N, C-alpha and C. Protein backbone atom coordinates (compact mmCIF):
# COMPACT_ATOMS: atom_id res chain seq x y z
N MET A 1 28.43 -17.16 28.55
CA MET A 1 27.50 -17.25 27.42
C MET A 1 26.63 -16.00 27.41
N SER A 2 26.50 -15.41 26.26
CA SER A 2 25.72 -14.17 26.16
C SER A 2 24.24 -14.50 26.01
N LYS A 3 23.42 -13.62 26.56
CA LYS A 3 21.98 -13.82 26.44
C LYS A 3 21.51 -13.31 25.09
N PRO A 4 20.53 -13.98 24.49
CA PRO A 4 20.05 -13.54 23.16
C PRO A 4 19.27 -12.24 23.27
N PHE A 5 19.26 -11.51 22.17
CA PHE A 5 18.54 -10.24 22.13
C PHE A 5 17.04 -10.50 22.12
N GLU A 6 16.31 -9.78 22.94
CA GLU A 6 14.86 -9.89 22.99
C GLU A 6 14.27 -8.49 22.83
N PHE A 7 13.53 -8.28 21.75
CA PHE A 7 12.91 -6.99 21.48
C PHE A 7 11.61 -6.91 22.27
N GLN A 8 11.50 -5.92 23.12
CA GLN A 8 10.35 -5.80 24.01
C GLN A 8 9.05 -5.48 23.27
N LEU A 9 9.16 -4.85 22.12
CA LEU A 9 7.97 -4.44 21.37
C LEU A 9 7.68 -5.36 20.18
N GLU A 10 8.08 -6.61 20.28
CA GLU A 10 7.92 -7.56 19.17
C GLU A 10 6.44 -7.73 18.80
N LYS A 11 5.57 -7.82 19.79
CA LYS A 11 4.14 -7.99 19.52
C LYS A 11 3.56 -6.75 18.81
N VAL A 12 4.03 -5.58 19.20
CA VAL A 12 3.58 -4.35 18.54
C VAL A 12 4.05 -4.34 17.09
N LEU A 13 5.29 -4.79 16.87
CA LEU A 13 5.83 -4.86 15.51
C LEU A 13 5.00 -5.84 14.67
N GLU A 14 4.67 -6.98 15.22
CA GLU A 14 3.86 -7.96 14.49
C GLU A 14 2.49 -7.37 14.16
N TYR A 15 1.91 -6.64 15.12
CA TYR A 15 0.61 -6.02 14.88
C TYR A 15 0.71 -4.98 13.77
N ARG A 16 1.77 -4.20 13.78
CA ARG A 16 1.94 -3.18 12.73
C ARG A 16 2.17 -3.84 11.37
N GLU A 17 2.84 -4.98 11.36
CA GLU A 17 3.02 -5.72 10.10
C GLU A 17 1.67 -6.18 9.57
N GLN A 18 0.80 -6.65 10.48
CA GLN A 18 -0.54 -7.06 10.06
C GLN A 18 -1.32 -5.87 9.51
N LEU A 19 -1.23 -4.74 10.18
CA LEU A 19 -1.93 -3.54 9.69
C LEU A 19 -1.41 -3.13 8.32
N GLU A 20 -0.11 -3.25 8.12
CA GLU A 20 0.46 -2.90 6.82
C GLU A 20 -0.05 -3.85 5.74
N GLU A 21 -0.11 -5.13 6.04
CA GLU A 21 -0.61 -6.10 5.07
C GLU A 21 -2.08 -5.84 4.74
N GLN A 22 -2.87 -5.49 5.75
CA GLN A 22 -4.27 -5.16 5.51
C GLN A 22 -4.40 -3.91 4.63
N ALA A 23 -3.56 -2.92 4.89
CA ALA A 23 -3.59 -1.70 4.09
C ALA A 23 -3.19 -2.00 2.64
N LYS A 24 -2.19 -2.88 2.47
CA LYS A 24 -1.78 -3.26 1.11
C LYS A 24 -2.92 -3.99 0.39
N GLY A 25 -3.62 -4.85 1.12
CA GLY A 25 -4.76 -5.56 0.53
C GLY A 25 -5.86 -4.61 0.12
N ALA A 26 -6.16 -3.65 0.99
CA ALA A 26 -7.19 -2.65 0.66
C ALA A 26 -6.76 -1.81 -0.54
N LEU A 27 -5.47 -1.51 -0.62
CA LEU A 27 -4.96 -0.75 -1.76
C LEU A 27 -5.11 -1.55 -3.05
N ALA A 28 -4.80 -2.83 -2.99
CA ALA A 28 -4.94 -3.67 -4.18
C ALA A 28 -6.40 -3.75 -4.64
N LEU A 29 -7.31 -3.88 -3.68
CA LEU A 29 -8.74 -3.91 -4.03
C LEU A 29 -9.19 -2.58 -4.63
N ALA A 30 -8.73 -1.49 -4.05
CA ALA A 30 -9.09 -0.17 -4.57
C ALA A 30 -8.54 0.03 -5.98
N LYS A 31 -7.32 -0.43 -6.22
CA LYS A 31 -6.75 -0.33 -7.57
C LYS A 31 -7.57 -1.12 -8.57
N ALA A 32 -7.94 -2.34 -8.19
CA ALA A 32 -8.73 -3.18 -9.09
C ALA A 32 -10.08 -2.55 -9.39
N ALA A 33 -10.73 -2.01 -8.36
CA ALA A 33 -12.03 -1.37 -8.56
C ALA A 33 -11.91 -0.15 -9.46
N ARG A 34 -10.85 0.63 -9.26
CA ARG A 34 -10.63 1.82 -10.08
C ARG A 34 -10.38 1.43 -11.54
N GLU A 35 -9.58 0.39 -11.74
CA GLU A 35 -9.30 -0.05 -13.12
C GLU A 35 -10.56 -0.57 -13.80
N THR A 36 -11.38 -1.29 -13.06
CA THR A 36 -12.63 -1.79 -13.62
C THR A 36 -13.53 -0.62 -14.02
N GLN A 37 -13.62 0.36 -13.14
CA GLN A 37 -14.45 1.53 -13.42
C GLN A 37 -13.90 2.32 -14.60
N ALA A 38 -12.58 2.45 -14.67
CA ALA A 38 -11.97 3.16 -15.80
C ALA A 38 -12.28 2.44 -17.11
N ALA A 39 -12.30 1.11 -17.08
CA ALA A 39 -12.65 0.36 -18.28
C ALA A 39 -14.11 0.61 -18.68
N ARG A 40 -15.00 0.71 -17.68
CA ARG A 40 -16.40 1.01 -17.98
C ARG A 40 -16.54 2.38 -18.64
N VAL A 41 -15.84 3.37 -18.09
CA VAL A 41 -15.90 4.72 -18.65
C VAL A 41 -15.37 4.71 -20.07
N THR A 42 -14.27 4.04 -20.29
CA THR A 42 -13.69 3.97 -21.64
C THR A 42 -14.65 3.30 -22.61
N ALA A 43 -15.29 2.23 -22.16
CA ALA A 43 -16.24 1.52 -23.03
C ALA A 43 -17.42 2.42 -23.38
N LEU A 44 -17.94 3.14 -22.39
CA LEU A 44 -19.06 4.05 -22.67
C LEU A 44 -18.64 5.19 -23.59
N GLU A 45 -17.44 5.72 -23.41
CA GLU A 45 -16.96 6.78 -24.29
C GLU A 45 -16.86 6.27 -25.73
N GLU A 46 -16.37 5.05 -25.88
CA GLU A 46 -16.24 4.46 -27.21
C GLU A 46 -17.62 4.22 -27.82
N GLN A 47 -18.56 3.75 -27.00
CA GLN A 47 -19.91 3.51 -27.47
C GLN A 47 -20.57 4.83 -27.91
N LEU A 48 -20.36 5.88 -27.14
CA LEU A 48 -20.92 7.19 -27.51
C LEU A 48 -20.26 7.72 -28.78
N ARG A 49 -18.95 7.54 -28.89
CA ARG A 49 -18.26 7.99 -30.10
C ARG A 49 -18.80 7.28 -31.33
N LYS A 50 -18.99 5.96 -31.24
CA LYS A 50 -19.53 5.20 -32.37
C LYS A 50 -20.95 5.63 -32.69
N HIS A 51 -21.72 5.90 -31.64
CA HIS A 51 -23.11 6.32 -31.86
C HIS A 51 -23.16 7.68 -32.55
N LEU A 52 -22.26 8.58 -32.17
CA LEU A 52 -22.25 9.90 -32.81
C LEU A 52 -21.87 9.82 -34.28
N LEU A 53 -21.11 8.81 -34.65
CA LEU A 53 -20.75 8.63 -36.06
C LEU A 53 -21.93 8.20 -36.92
N THR A 54 -22.96 7.64 -36.29
CA THR A 54 -24.14 7.18 -37.04
C THR A 54 -25.23 8.25 -37.14
N GLU A 55 -24.90 9.48 -36.79
CA GLU A 55 -25.91 10.55 -36.79
C GLU A 55 -26.54 10.76 -38.16
N ASN A 56 -25.74 10.75 -39.19
CA ASN A 56 -26.26 11.02 -40.54
C ASN A 56 -27.23 9.94 -41.01
N THR A 57 -27.00 8.71 -40.63
CA THR A 57 -27.88 7.63 -41.09
C THR A 57 -29.15 7.54 -40.26
N SER A 58 -29.23 8.24 -39.14
CA SER A 58 -30.41 8.13 -38.27
C SER A 58 -31.51 9.12 -38.63
N HIS A 59 -31.29 9.97 -39.59
CA HIS A 59 -32.27 11.00 -39.93
C HIS A 59 -33.24 10.56 -41.01
N SER A 60 -33.46 9.28 -41.17
CA SER A 60 -34.38 8.83 -42.21
C SER A 60 -35.84 9.12 -41.85
N SER A 61 -36.16 9.12 -40.57
CA SER A 61 -37.52 9.48 -40.16
C SER A 61 -37.46 10.18 -38.80
N ALA A 62 -38.59 10.77 -38.43
CA ALA A 62 -38.65 11.48 -37.15
C ALA A 62 -38.48 10.51 -35.98
N ASN A 63 -39.05 9.34 -36.13
CA ASN A 63 -38.92 8.33 -35.07
C ASN A 63 -37.46 7.90 -34.89
N ASP A 64 -36.78 7.71 -35.99
CA ASP A 64 -35.36 7.32 -35.91
C ASP A 64 -34.53 8.41 -35.26
N MET A 65 -34.83 9.65 -35.63
CA MET A 65 -34.10 10.77 -35.02
C MET A 65 -34.37 10.82 -33.52
N TRP A 66 -35.64 10.63 -33.13
CA TRP A 66 -35.99 10.65 -31.71
C TRP A 66 -35.27 9.53 -30.95
N LEU A 67 -35.28 8.33 -31.52
CA LEU A 67 -34.59 7.19 -30.90
C LEU A 67 -33.09 7.46 -30.80
N TRP A 68 -32.52 8.00 -31.88
CA TRP A 68 -31.08 8.28 -31.88
C TRP A 68 -30.74 9.27 -30.77
N ARG A 69 -31.54 10.34 -30.63
CA ARG A 69 -31.30 11.35 -29.59
C ARG A 69 -31.49 10.77 -28.19
N GLN A 70 -32.53 9.97 -28.02
CA GLN A 70 -32.78 9.38 -26.71
C GLN A 70 -31.63 8.46 -26.29
N TYR A 71 -31.13 7.69 -27.24
CA TYR A 71 -30.01 6.79 -26.93
C TYR A 71 -28.75 7.60 -26.62
N LYS A 72 -28.54 8.69 -27.40
CA LYS A 72 -27.38 9.56 -27.13
C LYS A 72 -27.48 10.17 -25.74
N ASP A 73 -28.66 10.65 -25.38
CA ASP A 73 -28.85 11.25 -24.06
C ASP A 73 -28.63 10.22 -22.95
N ALA A 74 -29.13 9.01 -23.16
CA ALA A 74 -28.94 7.96 -22.16
C ALA A 74 -27.46 7.61 -22.01
N LEU A 75 -26.75 7.52 -23.13
CA LEU A 75 -25.31 7.24 -23.08
C LEU A 75 -24.56 8.36 -22.36
N THR A 76 -24.93 9.59 -22.65
CA THR A 76 -24.28 10.74 -22.02
C THR A 76 -24.53 10.74 -20.52
N GLN A 77 -25.76 10.45 -20.14
CA GLN A 77 -26.10 10.40 -18.72
C GLN A 77 -25.35 9.25 -18.03
N ASP A 78 -25.35 8.08 -18.64
CA ASP A 78 -24.61 6.94 -18.06
C ASP A 78 -23.13 7.26 -17.92
N LEU A 79 -22.60 7.92 -18.93
CA LEU A 79 -21.18 8.27 -18.91
C LEU A 79 -20.87 9.24 -17.77
N SER A 80 -21.74 10.21 -17.56
CA SER A 80 -21.48 11.16 -16.47
C SER A 80 -21.58 10.47 -15.11
N VAL A 81 -22.52 9.55 -14.94
CA VAL A 81 -22.64 8.80 -13.68
C VAL A 81 -21.39 7.95 -13.47
N GLU A 82 -20.94 7.29 -14.50
CA GLU A 82 -19.75 6.42 -14.38
C GLU A 82 -18.49 7.25 -14.10
N ARG A 83 -18.42 8.46 -14.65
CA ARG A 83 -17.28 9.34 -14.35
C ARG A 83 -17.29 9.79 -12.90
N VAL A 84 -18.47 10.07 -12.37
CA VAL A 84 -18.57 10.42 -10.94
C VAL A 84 -18.12 9.23 -10.09
N ASN A 85 -18.56 8.03 -10.47
CA ASN A 85 -18.12 6.83 -9.75
C ASN A 85 -16.61 6.65 -9.84
N LEU A 86 -16.06 6.93 -11.01
CA LEU A 86 -14.61 6.82 -11.19
C LEU A 86 -13.88 7.81 -10.29
N ASN A 87 -14.37 9.03 -10.21
CA ASN A 87 -13.74 10.03 -9.33
C ASN A 87 -13.81 9.60 -7.87
N THR A 88 -14.93 9.03 -7.47
CA THR A 88 -15.08 8.52 -6.10
C THR A 88 -14.06 7.41 -5.83
N LEU A 89 -13.93 6.52 -6.78
CA LEU A 89 -12.97 5.41 -6.61
C LEU A 89 -11.53 5.91 -6.61
N GLU A 90 -11.25 6.96 -7.38
CA GLU A 90 -9.91 7.53 -7.38
C GLU A 90 -9.58 8.16 -6.02
N LEU A 91 -10.58 8.81 -5.42
CA LEU A 91 -10.38 9.36 -4.07
C LEU A 91 -10.14 8.25 -3.05
N LYS A 92 -10.92 7.19 -3.18
CA LYS A 92 -10.74 6.04 -2.27
C LYS A 92 -9.35 5.43 -2.47
N LEU A 93 -8.92 5.32 -3.71
CA LEU A 93 -7.59 4.78 -4.00
C LEU A 93 -6.52 5.65 -3.37
N GLN A 94 -6.68 6.95 -3.47
CA GLN A 94 -5.70 7.86 -2.88
C GLN A 94 -5.66 7.71 -1.36
N ARG A 95 -6.83 7.57 -0.73
CA ARG A 95 -6.87 7.37 0.73
C ARG A 95 -6.20 6.05 1.10
N CYS A 96 -6.47 5.01 0.34
CA CYS A 96 -5.84 3.70 0.61
C CYS A 96 -4.33 3.78 0.43
N ARG A 97 -3.90 4.49 -0.58
CA ARG A 97 -2.46 4.65 -0.82
C ARG A 97 -1.80 5.38 0.34
N THR A 98 -2.44 6.46 0.81
CA THR A 98 -1.93 7.22 1.94
C THR A 98 -1.87 6.35 3.19
N GLU A 99 -2.92 5.58 3.41
CA GLU A 99 -2.98 4.69 4.57
C GLU A 99 -1.86 3.64 4.51
N ALA A 100 -1.65 3.06 3.33
CA ALA A 100 -0.61 2.05 3.18
C ALA A 100 0.77 2.64 3.44
N VAL A 101 1.02 3.84 2.95
CA VAL A 101 2.30 4.51 3.19
C VAL A 101 2.48 4.78 4.68
N GLU A 102 1.42 5.23 5.33
CA GLU A 102 1.48 5.53 6.77
C GLU A 102 1.77 4.26 7.57
N ARG A 103 1.09 3.19 7.23
CA ARG A 103 1.32 1.91 7.94
C ARG A 103 2.74 1.41 7.72
N SER A 104 3.22 1.58 6.51
CA SER A 104 4.59 1.16 6.21
C SER A 104 5.60 1.97 7.02
N LYS A 105 5.37 3.27 7.13
CA LYS A 105 6.27 4.12 7.92
C LYS A 105 6.27 3.70 9.38
N GLU A 106 5.08 3.42 9.91
CA GLU A 106 4.98 3.00 11.31
C GLU A 106 5.75 1.70 11.55
N LYS A 107 5.62 0.76 10.62
CA LYS A 107 6.32 -0.51 10.76
C LYS A 107 7.83 -0.31 10.64
N LYS A 108 8.25 0.47 9.66
CA LYS A 108 9.68 0.71 9.47
C LYS A 108 10.30 1.41 10.67
N LEU A 109 9.54 2.28 11.31
CA LEU A 109 10.04 2.96 12.51
C LEU A 109 10.35 1.95 13.60
N LEU A 110 9.43 1.01 13.81
CA LEU A 110 9.67 -0.02 14.82
C LEU A 110 10.81 -0.96 14.41
N GLU A 111 10.89 -1.27 13.12
CA GLU A 111 12.00 -2.12 12.65
C GLU A 111 13.34 -1.43 12.88
N LYS A 112 13.37 -0.14 12.64
CA LYS A 112 14.60 0.61 12.86
C LYS A 112 14.97 0.62 14.34
N LEU A 113 13.97 0.80 15.21
CA LEU A 113 14.20 0.75 16.65
C LEU A 113 14.73 -0.62 17.06
N LYS A 114 14.14 -1.67 16.49
CA LYS A 114 14.59 -3.03 16.79
C LYS A 114 16.04 -3.23 16.36
N ALA A 115 16.37 -2.76 15.18
CA ALA A 115 17.75 -2.90 14.69
C ALA A 115 18.72 -2.12 15.56
N THR A 116 18.33 -0.93 15.97
CA THR A 116 19.18 -0.11 16.83
C THR A 116 19.40 -0.78 18.17
N GLN A 117 18.32 -1.29 18.76
CA GLN A 117 18.45 -1.97 20.05
C GLN A 117 19.24 -3.26 19.92
N ALA A 118 19.08 -3.97 18.82
CA ALA A 118 19.85 -5.20 18.61
C ALA A 118 21.33 -4.89 18.49
N LYS A 119 21.68 -3.84 17.78
CA LYS A 119 23.08 -3.45 17.64
C LYS A 119 23.65 -3.04 18.99
N LYS A 120 22.88 -2.27 19.73
CA LYS A 120 23.33 -1.85 21.06
C LYS A 120 23.55 -3.07 21.96
N HIS A 121 22.62 -4.01 21.93
CA HIS A 121 22.74 -5.24 22.72
C HIS A 121 23.99 -6.02 22.30
N HIS A 122 24.17 -6.15 21.01
CA HIS A 122 25.33 -6.88 20.48
C HIS A 122 26.63 -6.20 20.93
N ASP A 123 26.68 -4.87 20.82
CA ASP A 123 27.88 -4.14 21.24
C ASP A 123 28.13 -4.30 22.73
N GLU A 124 27.07 -4.25 23.54
CA GLU A 124 27.23 -4.42 24.98
C GLU A 124 27.71 -5.83 25.32
N GLU A 125 27.15 -6.80 24.62
CA GLU A 125 27.58 -8.19 24.86
C GLU A 125 29.03 -8.38 24.45
N ASN A 126 29.42 -7.79 23.35
CA ASN A 126 30.83 -7.89 22.93
C ASN A 126 31.75 -7.22 23.94
N ALA A 127 31.34 -6.05 24.44
CA ALA A 127 32.15 -5.35 25.43
C ALA A 127 32.25 -6.16 26.72
N ARG A 128 31.16 -6.77 27.15
CA ARG A 128 31.16 -7.60 28.34
C ARG A 128 32.05 -8.82 28.14
N GLN A 129 31.93 -9.43 26.99
CA GLN A 129 32.76 -10.61 26.68
C GLN A 129 34.24 -10.22 26.65
N GLU A 130 34.53 -9.09 26.05
CA GLU A 130 35.92 -8.63 25.98
C GLU A 130 36.46 -8.32 27.37
N LYS A 131 35.63 -7.74 28.20
CA LYS A 131 36.03 -7.45 29.57
C LYS A 131 36.32 -8.74 30.33
N GLU A 132 35.46 -9.74 30.17
CA GLU A 132 35.70 -11.03 30.83
C GLU A 132 36.99 -11.65 30.34
N ASN A 133 37.23 -11.59 29.04
CA ASN A 133 38.47 -12.15 28.49
C ASN A 133 39.69 -11.41 29.04
N ASP A 134 39.59 -10.09 29.14
CA ASP A 134 40.70 -9.32 29.70
C ASP A 134 40.95 -9.69 31.16
N GLU A 135 39.90 -9.87 31.94
CA GLU A 135 40.05 -10.25 33.34
C GLU A 135 40.68 -11.63 33.46
N MET A 136 40.24 -12.55 32.62
CA MET A 136 40.81 -13.91 32.67
C MET A 136 42.29 -13.87 32.28
N ALA A 137 42.61 -13.10 31.27
CA ALA A 137 44.01 -13.00 30.85
C ALA A 137 44.86 -12.37 31.95
N THR A 138 44.31 -11.36 32.61
CA THR A 138 45.03 -10.71 33.71
C THR A 138 45.25 -11.67 34.86
N LEU A 139 44.22 -12.43 35.22
CA LEU A 139 44.35 -13.41 36.30
C LEU A 139 45.36 -14.49 35.94
N ARG A 140 45.36 -14.97 34.76
CA ARG A 140 46.32 -16.01 34.33
C ARG A 140 47.74 -15.45 34.32
N TYR A 141 47.88 -14.22 33.89
CA TYR A 141 49.20 -13.63 33.83
C TYR A 141 49.76 -13.42 35.26
N LYS A 142 48.92 -12.97 36.19
CA LYS A 142 49.36 -12.77 37.58
C LYS A 142 49.71 -14.08 38.24
N SER A 143 48.97 -15.12 37.97
CA SER A 143 49.25 -16.40 38.64
C SER A 143 50.57 -17.00 38.15
N GLN A 144 50.99 -16.72 36.95
CA GLN A 144 52.27 -17.26 36.47
C GLN A 144 53.45 -16.54 37.09
N ASN A 145 53.34 -15.27 37.42
CA ASN A 145 54.43 -14.51 37.99
C ASN A 145 54.62 -14.75 39.47
N PHE A 146 53.63 -15.11 40.19
CA PHE A 146 53.74 -15.27 41.64
C PHE A 146 54.06 -16.64 42.01
């Protein structure tokens, strides 16, 4: 009876699988945060665009013009802050993506090692079994002739 294959680094492989899953989770969170921020930037851009279209109607008095300009400046400032936040989140997303790829490579390397060792074990067991069968056949053949 052949002994079953036992991978010596199974615990390391399980740990790397956990790290990969954590990296995938972090990547998913980073993607969601980036998409939310991109939606904020788009909404502010649309709000600023609509506000700029009302420029002609805001010149009815000096106060209206001042309010219109103040609101435009506030929108522009908010938009620039949100764009900086978006760039920060894009950098974080890129780091998370790189980390997830690295973790996946590490896990795949161990999986490949496991597959290679399993194949080697299987081949050795087959060779041992074949050798035993050959010896038994040889012994049976000799006993019939003598």
